[in-house]
Amino acid sequence: FKLSSPNGFVHDVSADTAGVVACGFAYSHMSFL
């Protein structure tokens, strides 16, 4: 999966790595609830 993060990061990663990154973003975002 080619991930493009808002910080300028662009990289091809495995599905497992993509899931870890997506979960990290979701946890961080929801920590402000």
Full PDB file with SEQRES, HELIX, SHEET, SSBOND, CRYST1, ORIGX, SCALE, CONECT and MASTER records, all heavy atoms in Angstrom:
SEQRES   1 A   33  PHE LYS LEU SER SER PRO ASN GLY PHE VAL HIS ASP VAL          
SEQRES   2 A   33  SER ALA ASP THR ALA GLY VAL VAL ALA CYS GLY PHE ALA          
SEQRES   3 A   33  TYR SER HIS MET SER PHE LEU                                  
HELIX    1 AA1 ALA A   15  MET A   30  1                                  16    
SHEET    1 AA1 2 LYS A   2  SER A   4  0                                        
SHEET    2 AA1 2 VAL A  10  ASP A  12 -1                                        
CRYST1    1.000    1.000    1.000  90.00  90.00  90.00 P 1           1          
ORIGX1      1.000000  0.000000  0.000000        0.00000                         
ORIGX2      0.000000  1.000000  0.000000        0.00000                         
ORIGX3      0.000000  0.000000  1.000000        0.00000                         
SCALE1      1.000000  0.000000  0.000000        0.00000                         
SCALE2      0.000000  1.000000  0.000000        0.00000                         
SCALE3      0.000000  0.000000  1.000000        0.00000                         
ATOM      1  N   PHE A   1       0.847  -1.182   0.000  1.00  0.00           N  
ATOM      2  CA  PHE A   1       0.000   0.000   0.000  1.00  0.00           C  
ATOM      3  C   PHE A   1       0.886   1.237   0.000  1.00  0.00           C  
ATOM      4  O   PHE A   1       1.809   1.333   0.799  1.00  0.00           O  
ATOM      5  CB  PHE A   1      -0.892   0.024   1.251  1.00  0.00           C  
ATOM      6  CG  PHE A   1      -1.952  -1.042   1.261  1.00  0.00           C  
ATOM      7  CD1 PHE A   1      -1.675  -2.314   1.720  1.00  0.00           C  
ATOM      8  CD2 PHE A   1      -3.224  -0.757   0.791  1.00  0.00           C  
ATOM      9  CE1 PHE A   1      -2.645  -3.298   1.728  1.00  0.00           C  
ATOM     10  CE2 PHE A   1      -4.205  -1.740   0.791  1.00  0.00           C  
ATOM     11  CZ  PHE A   1      -3.920  -3.014   1.262  1.00  0.00           C  
ATOM     12  N   LYS A   2       0.597   2.163  -0.914  1.00  0.00           N  
ATOM     13  CA  LYS A   2       1.335   3.428  -0.932  1.00  0.00           C  
ATOM     14  C   LYS A   2       0.642   4.374   0.045  1.00  0.00           C  
ATOM     15  O   LYS A   2      -0.454   4.856  -0.214  1.00  0.00           O  
ATOM     16  CB  LYS A   2       1.380   4.052  -2.320  1.00  0.00           C  
ATOM     17  CG  LYS A   2       2.184   5.363  -2.349  1.00  0.00           C  
ATOM     18  CD  LYS A   2       2.279   5.972  -3.719  1.00  0.00           C  
ATOM     19  CE  LYS A   2       3.280   5.308  -4.602  1.00  0.00           C  
ATOM     20  NZ  LYS A   2       4.645   5.208  -4.150  1.00  0.00           N  
ATOM     21  N   LEU A   3       1.295   4.596   1.186  1.00  0.00           N  
ATOM     22  CA  LEU A   3       0.753   5.507   2.199  1.00  0.00           C  
ATOM     23  C   LEU A   3       1.300   6.899   1.972  1.00  0.00           C  
ATOM     24  O   LEU A   3       2.483   7.072   1.681  1.00  0.00           O  
ATOM     25  CB  LEU A   3       1.129   5.051   3.610  1.00  0.00           C  
ATOM     26  CG  LEU A   3       0.581   3.731   4.119  1.00  0.00           C  
ATOM     27  CD1 LEU A   3       0.887   3.585   5.610  1.00  0.00           C  
ATOM     28  CD2 LEU A   3      -0.911   3.613   3.887  1.00  0.00           C  
ATOM     29  N   SER A   4       0.432   7.877   2.117  1.00  0.00           N  
ATOM     30  CA  SER A   4       0.806   9.292   2.057  1.00  0.00           C  
ATOM     31  C   SER A   4       0.260   9.956   3.304  1.00  0.00           C  
ATOM     32  O   SER A   4      -0.947  10.131   3.437  1.00  0.00           O  
ATOM     33  CB  SER A   4       0.214   9.964   0.810  1.00  0.00           C  
ATOM     34  OG  SER A   4       0.692   9.331  -0.356  1.00  0.00           O  
ATOM     35  N   SER A   5       1.151  10.318   4.209  1.00  0.00           N  
ATOM     36  CA  SER A   5       0.758  10.931   5.474  1.00  0.00           C  
ATOM     37  C   SER A   5       0.735  12.449   5.326  1.00  0.00           C  
ATOM     38  O   SER A   5       1.478  13.004   4.507  1.00  0.00           O  
ATOM     39  CB  SER A   5       1.766  10.512   6.553  1.00  0.00           C  
ATOM     40  OG  SER A   5       1.427  11.056   7.794  1.00  0.00           O  
ATOM     41  N   PRO A   6      -0.086  13.146   6.111  1.00  0.00           N  
ATOM     42  CA  PRO A   6      -0.144  14.615   6.038  1.00  0.00           C  
ATOM     43  C   PRO A   6       1.204  15.298   6.313  1.00  0.00           C  
ATOM     44  O   PRO A   6       1.404  16.443   5.940  1.00  0.00           O  
ATOM     45  CB  PRO A   6      -1.162  14.992   7.123  1.00  0.00           C  
ATOM     46  CG  PRO A   6      -1.967  13.772   7.341  1.00  0.00           C  
ATOM     47  CD  PRO A   6      -1.071  12.608   7.046  1.00  0.00           C  
ATOM     48  N   ASN A   7       2.138  14.587   6.928  1.00  0.00           N  
ATOM     49  CA  ASN A   7       3.438  15.181   7.247  1.00  0.00           C  
ATOM     50  C   ASN A   7       4.425  15.110   6.082  1.00  0.00           C  
ATOM     51  O   ASN A   7       5.584  15.463   6.230  1.00  0.00           O  
ATOM     52  CB  ASN A   7       4.044  14.506   8.485  1.00  0.00           C  
ATOM     53  CG  ASN A   7       4.410  13.057   8.251  1.00  0.00           C  
ATOM     54  OD1 ASN A   7       4.374  12.552   7.142  1.00  0.00           O  
ATOM     55  ND2 ASN A   7       4.745  12.362   9.320  1.00  0.00           N  
ATOM     56  N   GLY A   8       3.977  14.620   4.922  1.00  0.00           N  
ATOM     57  CA  GLY A   8       4.847  14.518   3.754  1.00  0.00           C  
ATOM     58  C   GLY A   8       5.405  13.126   3.521  1.00  0.00           C  
ATOM     59  O   GLY A   8       6.046  12.873   2.506  1.00  0.00           O  
ATOM     60  N   PHE A   9       5.167  12.210   4.431  1.00  0.00           N  
ATOM     61  CA  PHE A   9       5.619  10.829   4.296  1.00  0.00           C  
ATOM     62  C   PHE A   9       4.905  10.171   3.123  1.00  0.00           C  
ATOM     63  O   PHE A   9       3.683  10.253   3.002  1.00  0.00           O  
ATOM     64  CB  PHE A   9       5.303  10.077   5.597  1.00  0.00           C  
ATOM     65  CG  PHE A   9       5.484   8.588   5.512  1.00  0.00           C  
ATOM     66  CD1 PHE A   9       6.709   8.021   5.800  1.00  0.00           C  
ATOM     67  CD2 PHE A   9       4.432   7.767   5.162  1.00  0.00           C  
ATOM     68  CE1 PHE A   9       6.882   6.643   5.749  1.00  0.00           C  
ATOM     69  CE2 PHE A   9       4.591   6.385   5.106  1.00  0.00           C  
ATOM     70  CZ  PHE A   9       5.821   5.834   5.394  1.00  0.00           C  
ATOM     71  N   VAL A  10       5.659   9.526   2.242  1.00  0.00           N  
ATOM     72  CA  VAL A  10       5.106   8.708   1.157  1.00  0.00           C  
ATOM     73  C   VAL A  10       5.980   7.470   1.071  1.00  0.00           C  
ATOM     74  O   VAL A  10       7.205   7.573   0.919  1.00  0.00           O  
ATOM     75  CB  VAL A  10       5.107   9.459  -0.198  1.00  0.00           C  
ATOM     76  CG1 VAL A  10       4.591   8.553  -1.308  1.00  0.00           C  
ATOM     77  CG2 VAL A  10       4.313  10.743  -0.122  1.00  0.00           C  
ATOM     78  N   HIS A  11       5.353   6.303   1.187  1.00  0.00           N  
ATOM     79  CA  HIS A  11       6.142   5.064   1.194  1.00  0.00           C  
ATOM     80  C   HIS A  11       5.231   3.883   0.906  1.00  0.00           C  
ATOM     81  O   HIS A  11       4.065   3.879   1.318  1.00  0.00           O  
ATOM     82  CB  HIS A  11       6.784   4.902   2.577  1.00  0.00           C  
ATOM     83  CG  HIS A  11       7.996   4.040   2.597  1.00  0.00           C  
ATOM     84  ND1 HIS A  11       7.943   2.675   2.471  1.00  0.00           N  
ATOM     85  CD2 HIS A  11       9.308   4.354   2.744  1.00  0.00           C  
ATOM     86  CE1 HIS A  11       9.170   2.180   2.549  1.00  0.00           C  
ATOM     87  NE2 HIS A  11      10.018   3.187   2.711  1.00  0.00           N  
ATOM     88  N   ASP A  12       5.755   2.882   0.207  1.00  0.00           N  
ATOM     89  CA  ASP A  12       5.042   1.623   0.009  1.00  0.00           C  
ATOM     90  C   ASP A  12       5.276   0.750   1.231  1.00  0.00           C  
ATOM     91  O   ASP A  12       6.432   0.551   1.645  1.00  0.00           O  
ATOM     92  CB  ASP A  12       5.544   0.895  -1.235  1.00  0.00           C  
ATOM     93  CG  ASP A  12       5.139   1.585  -2.517  1.00  0.00           C  
ATOM     94  OD1 ASP A  12       4.128   2.311  -2.509  1.00  0.00           O  
ATOM     95  OD2 ASP A  12       5.834   1.405  -3.537  1.00  0.00           O  
ATOM     96  N   VAL A  13       4.193   0.241   1.809  1.00  0.00           N  
ATOM     97  CA  VAL A  13       4.285  -0.588   3.012  1.00  0.00           C  
ATOM     98  C   VAL A  13       3.399  -1.819   2.860  1.00  0.00           C  
ATOM     99  O   VAL A  13       2.475  -1.835   2.046  1.00  0.00           O  
ATOM    100  CB  VAL A  13       3.880   0.198   4.292  1.00  0.00           C  
ATOM    101  CG1 VAL A  13       4.774   1.413   4.499  1.00  0.00           C  
ATOM    102  CG2 VAL A  13       2.420   0.603   4.258  1.00  0.00           C  
ATOM    103  N   SER A  14       3.663  -2.810   3.682  1.00  0.00           N  
ATOM    104  CA  SER A  14       2.823  -4.013   3.701  1.00  0.00           C  
ATOM    105  C   SER A  14       1.450  -3.681   4.279  1.00  0.00           C  
ATOM    106  O   SER A  14       1.265  -2.645   4.934  1.00  0.00           O  
ATOM    107  CB  SER A  14       3.488  -5.097   4.549  1.00  0.00           C  
ATOM    108  OG  SER A  14       3.471  -4.715   5.918  1.00  0.00           O  
ATOM    109  N   ALA A  15       0.516  -4.580   4.073  1.00  0.00           N  
ATOM    110  CA  ALA A  15      -0.828  -4.399   4.643  1.00  0.00           C  
ATOM    111  C   ALA A  15      -0.759  -4.341   6.165  1.00  0.00           C  
ATOM    112  O   ALA A  15      -1.456  -3.541   6.798  1.00  0.00           O  
ATOM    113  CB  ALA A  15      -1.743  -5.532   4.193  1.00  0.00           C  
ATOM    114  N   ASP A  16       0.103  -5.170   6.767  1.00  0.00           N  
ATOM    115  CA  ASP A  16       0.240  -5.177   8.214  1.00  0.00           C  
ATOM    116  C   ASP A  16       0.737  -3.823   8.717  1.00  0.00           C  
ATOM    117  O   ASP A  16       0.179  -3.263   9.663  1.00  0.00           O  
ATOM    118  CB  ASP A  16       1.181  -6.295   8.650  1.00  0.00           C  
ATOM    119  CG  ASP A  16       1.202  -6.471  10.147  1.00  0.00           C  
ATOM    120  OD1 ASP A  16       0.182  -6.925  10.703  1.00  0.00           O  
ATOM    121  OD2 ASP A  16       2.232  -6.140  10.762  1.00  0.00           O  
ATOM    122  N   THR A  17       1.759  -3.289   8.076  1.00  0.00           N  
ATOM    123  CA  THR A  17       2.290  -1.978   8.474  1.00  0.00           C  
ATOM    124  C   THR A  17       1.247  -0.890   8.255  1.00  0.00           C  
ATOM    125  O   THR A  17       1.090   0.001   9.102  1.00  0.00           O  
ATOM    126  CB  THR A  17       3.584  -1.671   7.699  1.00  0.00           C  
ATOM    127  OG1 THR A  17       4.552  -2.685   7.999  1.00  0.00           O  
ATOM    128  CG2 THR A  17       4.146  -0.314   8.054  1.00  0.00           C  
ATOM    129  N   ALA A  18       0.524  -0.957   7.155  1.00  0.00           N  
ATOM    130  CA  ALA A  18      -0.525   0.031   6.891  1.00  0.00           C  
ATOM    131  C   ALA A  18      -1.575   0.011   7.994  1.00  0.00           C  
ATOM    132  O   ALA A  18      -2.040   1.059   8.450  1.00  0.00           O  
ATOM    133  CB  ALA A  18      -1.173  -0.229   5.532  1.00  0.00           C  
ATOM    134  N   GLY A  19      -1.939  -1.183   8.449  1.00  0.00           N  
ATOM    135  CA  GLY A  19      -2.917  -1.301   9.530  1.00  0.00           C  
ATOM    136  C   GLY A  19      -2.405  -0.708  10.831  1.00  0.00           C  
ATOM    137  O   GLY A  19      -3.143  -0.016  11.537  1.00  0.00           O  
ATOM    138  N   VAL A  20      -1.139  -0.962  11.149  1.00  0.00           N  
ATOM    139  CA  VAL A  20      -0.548  -0.389  12.363  1.00  0.00           C  
ATOM    140  C   VAL A  20      -0.594   1.131  12.296  1.00  0.00           C  
ATOM    141  O   VAL A  20      -0.974   1.805  13.260  1.00  0.00           O  
ATOM    142  CB  VAL A  20       0.901  -0.889  12.566  1.00  0.00           C  
ATOM    143  CG1 VAL A  20       1.610  -0.099  13.654  1.00  0.00           C  
ATOM    144  CG2 VAL A  20       0.916  -2.371  12.898  1.00  0.00           C  
ATOM    145  N   VAL A  21      -0.244   1.694  11.152  1.00  0.00           N  
ATOM    146  CA  VAL A  21      -0.248   3.155  10.987  1.00  0.00           C  
ATOM    147  C   VAL A  21      -1.670   3.702  11.098  1.00  0.00           C  
ATOM    148  O   VAL A  21      -1.909   4.685  11.813  1.00  0.00           O  
ATOM    149  CB  VAL A  21       0.405   3.552   9.643  1.00  0.00           C  
ATOM    150  CG1 VAL A  21       0.210   5.035   9.356  1.00  0.00           C  
ATOM    151  CG2 VAL A  21       1.897   3.199   9.645  1.00  0.00           C  
ATOM    152  N   ALA A  22      -2.625   3.065  10.427  1.00  0.00           N  
ATOM    153  CA  ALA A  22      -4.015   3.535  10.493  1.00  0.00           C  
ATOM    154  C   ALA A  22      -4.537   3.482  11.929  1.00  0.00           C  
ATOM    155  O   ALA A  22      -5.217   4.411  12.392  1.00  0.00           O  
ATOM    156  CB  ALA A  22      -4.901   2.711   9.562  1.00  0.00           C  
ATOM    157  N   CYS A  23      -4.202   2.420  12.663  1.00  0.00           N  
ATOM    158  CA  CYS A  23      -4.626   2.315  14.064  1.00  0.00           C  
ATOM    159  C   CYS A  23      -3.959   3.392  14.910  1.00  0.00           C  
ATOM    160  O   CYS A  23      -4.605   3.985  15.777  1.00  0.00           O  
ATOM    161  CB  CYS A  23      -4.308   0.930  14.618  1.00  0.00           C  
ATOM    162  SG  CYS A  23      -5.416  -0.351  14.007  1.00  0.00           S  
ATOM    163  N   GLY A  24      -2.681   3.653  14.660  1.00  0.00           N  
ATOM    164  CA  GLY A  24      -1.985   4.701  15.396  1.00  0.00           C  
ATOM    165  C   GLY A  24      -2.650   6.056  15.210  1.00  0.00           C  
ATOM    166  O   GLY A  24      -2.864   6.795  16.177  1.00  0.00           O  
ATOM    167  N   PHE A  25      -3.005   6.390  13.977  1.00  0.00           N  
ATOM    168  CA  PHE A  25      -3.700   7.648  13.712  1.00  0.00           C  
ATOM    169  C   PHE A  25      -5.063   7.680  14.406  1.00  0.00           C  
ATOM    170  O   PHE A  25      -5.444   8.693  15.007  1.00  0.00           O  
ATOM    171  CB  PHE A  25      -3.882   7.877  12.207  1.00  0.00           C  
ATOM    172  CG  PHE A  25      -2.750   8.596  11.557  1.00  0.00           C  
ATOM    173  CD1 PHE A  25      -1.835   7.911  10.775  1.00  0.00           C  
ATOM    174  CD2 PHE A  25      -2.577   9.968  11.710  1.00  0.00           C  
ATOM    175  CE1 PHE A  25      -0.783   8.570  10.170  1.00  0.00           C  
ATOM    176  CE2 PHE A  25      -1.529  10.634  11.108  1.00  0.00           C  
ATOM    177  CZ  PHE A  25      -0.623   9.930  10.330  1.00  0.00           C  
ATOM    178  N   ALA A  26      -5.802   6.578  14.319  1.00  0.00           N  
ATOM    179  CA  ALA A  26      -7.139   6.530  14.929  1.00  0.00           C  
ATOM    180  C   ALA A  26      -7.049   6.672  16.446  1.00  0.00           C  
ATOM    181  O   ALA A  26      -7.808   7.440  17.053  1.00  0.00           O  
ATOM    182  CB  ALA A  26      -7.852   5.233  14.546  1.00  0.00           C  
ATOM    183  N   TYR A  27      -6.130   5.949  17.089  1.00  0.00           N  
ATOM    184  CA  TYR A  27      -5.968   6.053  18.543  1.00  0.00           C  
ATOM    185  C   TYR A  27      -5.594   7.471  18.945  1.00  0.00           C  
ATOM    186  O   TYR A  27      -6.136   8.013  19.908  1.00  0.00           O  
ATOM    187  CB  TYR A  27      -4.903   5.092  19.057  1.00  0.00           C  
ATOM    188  CG  TYR A  27      -5.258   3.632  19.001  1.00  0.00           C  
ATOM    189  CD1 TYR A  27      -4.253   2.681  18.890  1.00  0.00           C  
ATOM    190  CD2 TYR A  27      -6.570   3.185  19.083  1.00  0.00           C  
ATOM    191  CE1 TYR A  27      -4.549   1.328  18.862  1.00  0.00           C  
ATOM    192  CE2 TYR A  27      -6.867   1.837  19.053  1.00  0.00           C  
ATOM    193  CZ  TYR A  27      -5.843   0.914  18.942  1.00  0.00           C  
ATOM    194  OH  TYR A  27      -6.148  -0.424  18.917  1.00  0.00           O  
ATOM    195  N   SER A  28      -4.654   8.060  18.218  1.00  0.00           N  
ATOM    196  CA  SER A  28      -4.228   9.424  18.539  1.00  0.00           C  
ATOM    197  C   SER A  28      -5.405  10.394  18.413  1.00  0.00           C  
ATOM    198  O   SER A  28      -5.659  11.199  19.310  1.00  0.00           O  
ATOM    199  CB  SER A  28      -3.093   9.845  17.616  1.00  0.00           C  
ATOM    200  OG  SER A  28      -2.728  11.187  17.860  1.00  0.00           O  
ATOM    201  N   HIS A  29      -6.115  10.301  17.311  1.00  0.00           N  
ATOM    202  CA  HIS A  29      -7.271  11.178  17.071  1.00  0.00           C  
ATOM    203  C   HIS A  29      -8.325  11.020  18.173  1.00  0.00           C  
ATOM    204  O   HIS A  29      -8.822  12.011  18.710  1.00  0.00           O  
ATOM    205  CB  HIS A  29      -7.865  10.850  15.704  1.00  0.00           C  
ATOM    206  CG  HIS A  29      -9.096  11.611  15.369  1.00  0.00           C  
ATOM    207  ND1 HIS A  29      -9.078  12.933  14.984  1.00  0.00           N  
ATOM    208  CD2 HIS A  29     -10.396  11.237  15.375  1.00  0.00           C  
ATOM    209  CE1 HIS A  29     -10.314  13.334  14.763  1.00  0.00           C  
ATOM    210  NE2 HIS A  29     -11.126  12.330  14.988  1.00  0.00           N  
ATOM    211  N   MET A  30      -8.625   9.782  18.526  1.00  0.00           N  
ATOM    212  CA  MET A  30      -9.686   9.540  19.504  1.00  0.00           C  
ATOM    213  C   MET A  30      -9.247   9.818  20.936  1.00  0.00           C  
ATOM    214  O   MET A  30     -10.083   9.945  21.824  1.00  0.00           O  
ATOM    215  CB  MET A  30     -10.229   8.125  19.345  1.00  0.00           C  
ATOM    216  CG  MET A  30     -10.962   7.977  17.998  1.00  0.00           C  
ATOM    217  SD  MET A  30     -11.772   6.401  17.778  1.00  0.00           S  
ATOM    218  CE  MET A  30     -13.104   6.551  18.958  1.00  0.00           C  
ATOM    219  N   SER A  31      -7.956   9.961  21.163  1.00  0.00           N  
ATOM    220  CA  SER A  31      -7.480  10.276  22.515  1.00  0.00           C  
ATOM    221  C   SER A  31      -7.918  11.670  22.952  1.00  0.00           C  
ATOM    222  O   SER A  31      -7.869  11.986  24.143  1.00  0.00           O  
ATOM    223  CB  SER A  31      -5.958  10.149  22.595  1.00  0.00           C  
ATOM    224  OG  SER A  31      -5.322  11.197  21.904  1.00  0.00           O  
ATOM    225  N   PHE A  32      -8.379  12.490  22.008  1.00  0.00           N  
ATOM    226  CA  PHE A  32      -8.838  13.836  22.338  1.00  0.00           C  
ATOM    227  C   PHE A  32     -10.323  13.896  22.666  1.00  0.00           C  
ATOM    228  O   PHE A  32     -10.847  14.968  22.974  1.00  0.00           O  
ATOM    229  CB  PHE A  32      -8.501  14.803  21.198  1.00  0.00           C  
ATOM    230  CG  PHE A  32      -7.022  15.016  21.049  1.00  0.00           C  
ATOM    231  CD1 PHE A  32      -6.295  14.310  20.112  1.00  0.00           C  
ATOM    232  CD2 PHE A  32      -6.352  15.890  21.888  1.00  0.00           C  
ATOM    233  CE1 PHE A  32      -4.925  14.480  19.993  1.00  0.00           C  
ATOM    234  CE2 PHE A  32      -4.987  16.067  21.787  1.00  0.00           C  
ATOM    235  CZ  PHE A  32      -4.269  15.363  20.832  1.00  0.00           C  
ATOM    236  N   LEU A  33     -10.993  12.750  22.643  1.00  0.00           N  
ATOM    237  CA  LEU A  33     -12.390  12.716  23.070  1.00  0.00           C  
ATOM    238  C   LEU A  33     -12.482  13.005  24.565  1.00  0.00           C  
ATOM    239  O   LEU A  33     -11.500  12.886  25.293  1.00  0.00           O  
ATOM    240  CB  LEU A  33     -12.999  11.335  22.805  1.00  0.00           C  
ATOM    241  CG  LEU A  33     -13.151  10.910  21.355  1.00  0.00           C  
ATOM    242  CD1 LEU A  33     -13.629   9.458  21.284  1.00  0.00           C  
ATOM    243  CD2 LEU A  33     -14.119  11.815  20.625  1.00  0.00           C  
TER     244      LEU A  33                                                      
MASTER        0    0    0    1    2    0    0    6  243    1    0    3          
END                                                                             
